[in-house]
N, C-alpha and C. Protein backbone atom coordinates (compact mmCIF):
# COMPACT_ATOMS: atom_id res chain seq x y z
N MET A 1 19.66 84.34 -60.96
CA MET A 1 20.47 83.31 -60.10
C MET A 1 21.14 83.93 -58.79
N ALA A 2 21.54 83.10 -58.08
CA ALA A 2 22.24 83.18 -56.63
C ALA A 2 23.32 83.41 -56.79
N THR A 3 23.74 84.03 -56.47
CA THR A 3 25.26 83.99 -56.16
C THR A 3 26.02 83.88 -55.11
N THR A 4 27.49 83.14 -55.41
CA THR A 4 27.75 82.68 -54.40
C THR A 4 28.59 82.86 -53.28
N VAL A 5 28.59 82.80 -51.97
CA VAL A 5 29.30 83.87 -51.00
C VAL A 5 30.08 83.01 -50.34
N GLU A 6 31.28 83.46 -49.35
CA GLU A 6 31.37 82.55 -48.47
C GLU A 6 30.73 82.24 -47.35
N PRO A 7 30.50 81.49 -46.53
CA PRO A 7 29.47 80.90 -45.90
C PRO A 7 29.55 81.89 -44.38
N LEU A 8 28.66 81.73 -44.22
CA LEU A 8 27.92 83.19 -43.14
C LEU A 8 28.30 82.46 -41.78
N SER A 9 28.43 83.15 -40.43
CA SER A 9 28.22 82.41 -39.38
C SER A 9 27.26 82.09 -39.47
N GLY A 10 27.23 80.97 -38.17
CA GLY A 10 25.92 80.43 -38.38
C GLY A 10 25.15 79.38 -39.61
N GLU A 11 25.67 80.09 -40.41
CA GLU A 11 25.08 78.24 -41.54
C GLU A 11 25.43 77.24 -41.37
N CYS A 12 24.58 76.62 -41.79
CA CYS A 12 24.47 75.26 -41.76
C CYS A 12 25.25 74.66 -42.82
N GLU A 13 26.32 73.71 -42.49
CA GLU A 13 27.32 73.06 -43.26
C GLU A 13 26.24 72.19 -43.84
N THR A 14 25.63 71.20 -43.21
CA THR A 14 25.12 70.35 -44.29
C THR A 14 23.27 70.62 -43.65
N PHE A 15 22.55 69.37 -44.69
CA PHE A 15 21.00 69.56 -44.11
C PHE A 15 20.65 67.68 -44.76
N PRO A 16 19.32 68.07 -44.30
CA PRO A 16 19.51 66.42 -44.59
C PRO A 16 19.12 65.71 -46.31
N ALA A 17 19.95 64.80 -46.22
CA ALA A 17 20.16 64.27 -47.78
C ALA A 17 18.81 64.87 -48.79
N ASP A 18 18.04 64.74 -48.35
CA ASP A 18 16.96 64.94 -48.93
C ASP A 18 16.82 66.10 -49.59
N VAL A 19 16.89 67.69 -48.66
CA VAL A 19 17.11 68.27 -48.75
C VAL A 19 17.94 68.80 -49.74
N ALA A 20 18.82 68.55 -49.30
CA ALA A 20 20.35 68.67 -50.28
C ALA A 20 19.75 68.34 -51.56
N LEU A 21 19.18 67.26 -52.03
CA LEU A 21 18.99 66.99 -53.40
C LEU A 21 18.12 67.98 -54.10
N VAL A 22 17.16 67.83 -53.11
CA VAL A 22 15.80 69.06 -53.84
C VAL A 22 16.81 70.60 -54.00
N MET A 23 17.45 70.96 -53.32
CA MET A 23 18.52 72.07 -53.71
C MET A 23 18.85 71.83 -54.59
N SER A 24 19.98 71.18 -54.78
CA SER A 24 20.71 70.81 -55.91
C SER A 24 19.80 71.10 -56.91
N ALA A 25 18.83 69.58 -57.09
CA ALA A 25 17.87 69.62 -58.65
C ALA A 25 17.55 71.29 -58.72
N LEU A 26 17.05 72.43 -57.55
CA LEU A 26 16.35 73.62 -57.99
C LEU A 26 18.04 74.93 -59.04
N GLU A 27 18.35 74.54 -58.10
CA GLU A 27 20.05 75.01 -58.58
C GLU A 27 20.35 74.65 -60.30
N ALA A 28 20.32 73.51 -59.99
CA ALA A 28 20.73 73.48 -61.73
C ALA A 28 18.95 73.92 -63.01
N GLY A 29 18.44 73.93 -62.16
CA GLY A 29 17.21 74.41 -63.33
C GLY A 29 17.39 75.63 -63.50
N GLU A 30 17.55 76.17 -62.14
CA GLU A 30 18.08 78.13 -62.27
C GLU A 30 19.37 78.11 -63.49
N THR A 31 20.41 77.76 -63.63
CA THR A 31 20.79 78.41 -64.44
C THR A 31 20.15 77.83 -65.79
N LEU A 32 18.99 77.16 -66.10
CA LEU A 32 18.24 77.26 -67.48
C LEU A 32 17.52 78.48 -67.80
N SER A 33 16.94 78.40 -66.60
CA SER A 33 15.94 79.52 -66.14
C SER A 33 15.24 80.15 -65.24
N ASN A 34 15.87 81.48 -64.78
CA ASN A 34 15.69 82.33 -64.19
C ASN A 34 14.90 83.85 -63.60
N ARG A 35 13.56 83.36 -63.22
CA ARG A 35 12.70 84.17 -62.90
C ARG A 35 12.67 84.97 -62.19
N ARG A 36 13.14 84.96 -61.57
CA ARG A 36 14.06 86.15 -59.83
C ARG A 36 14.18 87.27 -60.47
N ASN A 37 14.11 88.81 -60.12
CA ASN A 37 14.26 89.80 -59.87
C ASN A 37 14.82 90.42 -59.13
N GLY A 38 15.96 90.85 -58.88
CA GLY A 38 17.54 90.88 -58.27
C GLY A 38 18.23 90.38 -58.22
N ARG A 39 19.28 90.43 -57.12
CA ARG A 39 20.24 89.19 -56.67
C ARG A 39 20.08 88.55 -55.15
N ARG A 40 20.58 87.62 -55.03
CA ARG A 40 20.39 87.20 -53.81
C ARG A 40 21.47 86.05 -53.69
N GLN A 41 22.23 86.07 -52.51
CA GLN A 41 23.28 84.99 -52.26
C GLN A 41 22.84 84.26 -51.82
N ARG A 42 23.73 82.80 -52.17
CA ARG A 42 23.18 81.55 -51.39
C ARG A 42 23.48 81.81 -49.16
N TYR A 43 22.52 81.60 -48.59
CA TYR A 43 22.18 81.53 -47.14
C TYR A 43 21.19 80.53 -47.01
N ARG A 44 22.56 79.41 -46.11
CA ARG A 44 21.99 78.01 -45.73
C ARG A 44 21.89 78.05 -44.24
N VAL A 45 20.62 78.27 -43.78
CA VAL A 45 20.28 78.17 -42.33
C VAL A 45 18.77 78.17 -42.51
N LEU A 46 18.77 77.43 -41.25
CA LEU A 46 17.43 76.56 -40.78
C LEU A 46 16.85 77.52 -40.25
N ALA A 47 15.11 77.97 -40.22
CA ALA A 47 14.79 78.88 -39.83
C ALA A 47 13.00 78.54 -39.74
N THR A 48 12.40 78.64 -39.05
CA THR A 48 11.23 78.67 -38.29
C THR A 48 9.92 80.21 -38.72
N LEU A 49 9.00 79.60 -39.61
CA LEU A 49 8.18 80.22 -39.66
C LEU A 49 6.56 80.00 -38.39
N ARG A 50 5.87 81.29 -38.37
CA ARG A 50 4.65 81.54 -37.98
C ARG A 50 4.33 82.40 -38.27
N LEU A 51 3.15 81.79 -38.97
CA LEU A 51 1.81 82.47 -39.27
C LEU A 51 0.86 83.05 -38.92
N PHE A 52 0.29 83.88 -39.12
CA PHE A 52 -0.64 84.99 -38.67
C PHE A 52 -2.20 83.87 -38.01
N SER A 53 -2.40 82.52 -38.74
CA SER A 53 -3.55 82.46 -39.24
C SER A 53 -3.34 81.42 -38.26
N ASP A 54 -1.93 80.89 -37.97
CA ASP A 54 -1.94 79.47 -36.70
C ASP A 54 -2.65 79.81 -35.73
N THR A 55 -2.95 78.23 -35.30
CA THR A 55 -3.76 78.98 -33.83
C THR A 55 -2.07 79.03 -32.71
N ALA A 56 -2.44 79.46 -31.31
CA ALA A 56 -1.22 79.36 -30.51
C ALA A 56 -0.45 78.47 -30.52
N THR A 57 -1.46 77.91 -30.30
CA THR A 57 -0.50 76.31 -30.26
C THR A 57 0.26 75.62 -30.80
N ALA A 58 0.20 75.28 -32.21
CA ALA A 58 0.81 75.39 -33.37
C ALA A 58 2.28 75.10 -33.37
N PRO A 59 2.83 74.36 -34.00
CA PRO A 59 4.39 74.43 -33.64
C PRO A 59 4.63 75.25 -35.23
N PRO A 60 5.35 75.81 -35.16
CA PRO A 60 6.43 76.62 -36.36
C PRO A 60 6.04 75.43 -37.01
N TRP A 61 6.42 76.09 -38.46
CA TRP A 61 6.56 75.91 -40.23
C TRP A 61 8.56 75.41 -40.37
N LEU A 62 8.78 74.62 -40.36
CA LEU A 62 10.06 73.90 -40.23
C LEU A 62 10.98 74.57 -41.64
N LEU A 63 11.57 75.41 -41.58
CA LEU A 63 12.38 75.94 -43.26
C LEU A 63 13.50 75.98 -43.53
N TYR A 64 14.53 75.77 -44.28
CA TYR A 64 15.22 74.92 -45.11
C TYR A 64 16.22 76.57 -45.98
N THR A 65 16.32 77.22 -45.56
CA THR A 65 16.55 78.43 -46.78
C THR A 65 17.93 78.22 -47.53
N ARG A 66 17.28 78.84 -48.72
CA ARG A 66 18.07 78.76 -49.77
C ARG A 66 19.05 80.29 -50.28
N ASP A 67 18.37 80.43 -50.51
CA ASP A 67 18.47 81.85 -50.41
C ASP A 67 18.58 83.40 -50.39
N VAL A 68 18.74 84.58 -49.81
CA VAL A 68 17.98 85.64 -49.13
C VAL A 68 18.83 87.04 -49.70
N ASN A 69 17.89 87.68 -50.16
CA ASN A 69 18.28 89.12 -50.13
C ASN A 69 17.98 89.92 -49.17
N GLY A 70 18.06 91.61 -49.83
CA GLY A 70 17.08 92.37 -48.57
C GLY A 70 16.01 92.61 -48.52
N ARG A 71 15.41 92.13 -49.61
CA ARG A 71 13.43 91.91 -49.96
C ARG A 71 13.04 90.57 -49.54
N GLY A 72 13.57 89.49 -49.63
CA GLY A 72 13.41 88.11 -49.42
C GLY A 72 13.96 87.12 -49.27
N LEU A 73 13.34 85.90 -49.37
CA LEU A 73 13.91 84.60 -48.87
C LEU A 73 13.78 83.44 -49.57
N GLY A 74 14.19 82.77 -50.08
CA GLY A 74 14.21 81.50 -50.63
C GLY A 74 14.29 80.16 -49.84
N PHE A 75 13.30 79.14 -50.08
CA PHE A 75 13.42 78.02 -48.94
C PHE A 75 12.44 76.84 -49.54
N VAL A 76 13.23 76.05 -48.87
CA VAL A 76 12.64 73.66 -49.19
C VAL A 76 11.89 74.08 -47.77
N THR A 77 11.06 73.35 -48.05
CA THR A 77 9.65 72.75 -46.60
C THR A 77 9.32 71.33 -47.02
N ALA A 78 8.99 70.68 -45.58
CA ALA A 78 8.41 69.67 -45.97
C ALA A 78 6.67 69.82 -46.62
N HIS A 79 6.50 71.38 -46.07
CA HIS A 79 5.00 71.68 -46.10
C HIS A 79 4.03 72.40 -47.46
N ARG A 80 3.08 72.04 -47.21
CA ARG A 80 2.45 72.93 -48.61
C ARG A 80 1.80 74.33 -47.56
N LEU A 81 2.59 75.73 -48.30
CA LEU A 81 2.06 76.71 -47.25
C LEU A 81 0.58 77.24 -47.92
N PRO A 82 0.08 78.28 -46.95
CA PRO A 82 -1.01 79.14 -47.76
C PRO A 82 -0.15 80.51 -48.67
N LEU A 83 -0.81 80.59 -49.74
CA LEU A 83 -0.07 81.54 -50.50
C LEU A 83 -0.33 82.93 -49.72
N GLY A 84 0.52 83.98 -49.77
CA GLY A 84 -0.71 85.33 -49.50
C GLY A 84 -0.64 85.41 -47.76
N TYR A 85 -0.23 84.13 -47.20
CA TYR A 85 -0.59 84.77 -45.77
C TYR A 85 0.88 85.48 -45.37
N GLY A 86 0.24 86.44 -44.25
CA GLY A 86 1.50 86.85 -43.67
C GLY A 86 2.41 85.98 -41.92
N GLY A 87 3.58 86.26 -41.88
CA GLY A 87 3.58 85.73 -40.64
C GLY A 87 4.86 86.57 -40.15
N VAL A 88 6.06 85.60 -39.36
CA VAL A 88 6.71 86.15 -38.50
C VAL A 88 7.75 84.65 -38.62
N ILE A 89 9.14 85.24 -40.10
CA ILE A 89 10.26 84.02 -39.32
C ILE A 89 11.53 84.80 -38.51
N GLU A 90 12.04 83.43 -37.90
CA GLU A 90 13.00 83.20 -37.20
C GLU A 90 14.23 82.67 -37.98
N LEU A 91 15.06 83.21 -37.31
CA LEU A 91 16.62 82.57 -38.13
C LEU A 91 17.50 83.12 -37.67
N PRO A 92 19.10 82.96 -37.64
CA PRO A 92 20.13 83.21 -36.87
C PRO A 92 20.41 84.29 -38.53
N GLY A 93 21.17 85.68 -38.09
CA GLY A 93 21.54 86.44 -39.03
C GLY A 93 22.81 86.10 -39.77
N PRO A 94 23.59 87.21 -40.32
CA PRO A 94 24.63 86.82 -40.77
C PRO A 94 26.08 86.83 -39.73
N LEU A 95 26.03 87.08 -38.79
CA LEU A 95 26.75 86.60 -37.41
C LEU A 95 26.19 85.86 -36.13
N GLY A 96 25.64 85.11 -36.60
CA GLY A 96 24.75 84.08 -35.89
C GLY A 96 23.49 84.75 -34.94
N GLU A 97 23.42 86.26 -34.48
CA GLU A 97 22.86 87.11 -34.11
C GLU A 97 21.12 85.97 -34.83
N PRO A 98 19.97 86.20 -33.42
CA PRO A 98 18.82 85.61 -33.63
C PRO A 98 18.13 86.83 -34.04
N LEU A 99 17.10 86.44 -35.58
CA LEU A 99 16.72 87.62 -36.06
C LEU A 99 14.76 87.17 -36.29
N THR A 100 13.94 87.99 -36.35
CA THR A 100 12.78 88.42 -36.18
C THR A 100 12.17 88.86 -37.43
N ILE A 101 11.53 88.68 -38.43
CA ILE A 101 11.32 89.80 -39.08
C ILE A 101 9.93 89.43 -39.69
N HIS A 102 8.85 90.15 -39.86
CA HIS A 102 7.69 89.86 -40.26
C HIS A 102 7.94 89.24 -42.01
N CYS A 103 6.81 88.97 -41.95
CA CYS A 103 6.86 88.49 -43.70
C CYS A 103 5.55 88.21 -44.19
N THR A 104 5.74 87.87 -45.82
CA THR A 104 4.45 87.22 -46.26
C THR A 104 5.09 86.49 -47.61
N LEU A 105 4.44 85.07 -47.27
CA LEU A 105 4.64 84.29 -48.11
C LEU A 105 3.95 84.36 -49.92
N LEU A 106 5.45 84.22 -50.76
CA LEU A 106 4.46 84.55 -51.63
C LEU A 106 4.26 83.73 -52.73
N ARG A 107 5.48 82.33 -52.47
CA ARG A 107 5.63 81.33 -53.49
C ARG A 107 5.82 80.03 -52.31
N CYS A 108 4.22 78.59 -53.08
CA CYS A 108 4.72 77.49 -52.29
C CYS A 108 4.42 76.46 -53.07
N ARG A 109 5.26 76.18 -53.87
CA ARG A 109 4.94 75.07 -55.16
C ARG A 109 5.81 73.35 -55.09
N GLU A 110 5.18 72.51 -55.31
CA GLU A 110 5.55 71.20 -55.43
C GLU A 110 7.32 70.96 -55.52
N ALA A 111 8.61 70.40 -55.29
CA ALA A 111 9.55 70.84 -56.09
C ALA A 111 9.33 69.72 -56.58
N ALA A 112 9.64 68.82 -55.41
CA ALA A 112 9.75 67.05 -55.72
C ALA A 112 8.83 66.44 -54.98
N PRO A 113 8.40 64.91 -54.89
CA PRO A 113 7.07 64.63 -54.07
C PRO A 113 7.50 64.62 -52.62
N GLY A 114 6.51 65.49 -51.98
CA GLY A 114 6.66 65.39 -50.39
C GLY A 114 7.33 66.76 -50.03
N TRP A 115 7.99 67.82 -50.98
CA TRP A 115 8.92 68.79 -50.55
C TRP A 115 8.57 69.93 -51.48
N PHE A 116 8.50 71.09 -50.98
CA PHE A 116 8.63 72.21 -51.45
C PHE A 116 8.86 73.48 -51.38
N GLU A 117 8.97 74.24 -52.30
CA GLU A 117 10.14 75.13 -52.93
C GLU A 117 9.60 76.01 -52.41
N GLY A 118 9.79 77.81 -52.01
CA GLY A 118 8.93 78.85 -51.96
C GLY A 118 9.50 79.87 -51.82
N SER A 119 9.15 80.81 -51.25
CA SER A 119 10.00 82.42 -50.82
C SER A 119 9.00 83.12 -50.18
N VAL A 120 9.59 84.13 -49.17
CA VAL A 120 8.66 84.41 -48.67
C VAL A 120 9.22 86.42 -48.95
N TYR A 121 8.44 87.33 -48.33
CA TYR A 121 8.97 88.85 -49.05
C TYR A 121 8.78 89.35 -47.59
N PHE A 122 10.41 90.52 -47.36
CA PHE A 122 10.29 90.46 -46.54
C PHE A 122 9.39 91.64 -46.38
N ASN A 123 8.66 92.19 -45.40
CA ASN A 123 7.38 93.74 -44.67
C ASN A 123 8.42 94.69 -44.85
N ARG A 124 9.41 94.90 -44.33
CA ARG A 124 10.47 95.69 -44.74
C ARG A 124 11.74 95.29 -45.18
N GLU A 125 12.49 96.22 -45.80
CA GLU A 125 13.99 95.95 -46.35
C GLU A 125 14.76 95.57 -45.41
N GLN A 126 15.79 94.51 -45.37
CA GLN A 126 16.95 94.01 -44.17
C GLN A 126 17.65 94.35 -44.69
N PRO A 127 18.27 95.45 -44.03
CA PRO A 127 20.06 95.32 -44.79
C PRO A 127 20.78 94.48 -43.92
N LYS A 128 20.55 93.61 -43.08
CA LYS A 128 22.06 92.95 -43.10
C LYS A 128 22.33 92.02 -44.27
N PHE A 129 20.74 91.61 -44.88
CA PHE A 129 21.29 90.90 -46.04
C PHE A 129 20.98 91.38 -47.59
N ALA A 130 21.01 92.62 -47.28
CA ALA A 130 21.36 93.25 -48.75
C ALA A 130 23.04 93.11 -48.95
N ALA A 131 22.54 93.35 -50.75
CA ALA A 131 24.00 92.42 -51.15
C ALA A 131 24.64 93.98 -51.85
N GLU A 132 25.98 94.12 -51.20
CA GLU A 132 27.27 94.75 -50.83
C GLU A 132 27.63 95.05 -52.68
């Protein structure tokens, strides 16, 4: 289950209403059944993902992050993304600093019509997001 922490610098105060609705439904479902390993903390920022398989001119994928720990990040997106693909995620860090992290797409499944929930695995542990 995701733990709740105080908002971090750079964290989005609001997401679009449809994104907030999908996240709320996902969080309600997590109280009933949690399949995740490890503790995650709530982390709501906009991120972009560039997959190594994307063409050089393709725009990055927009992700709305849900939660994070030192090994990975959960997100919601309007795109079905290919599982197992590697890439680079860019997002603001806990202090608002820009971060670029190599990652692998672990999950991306439909959560609601037109919305997908997923997760990426960081290829190297990220101490900035490790639980205290």
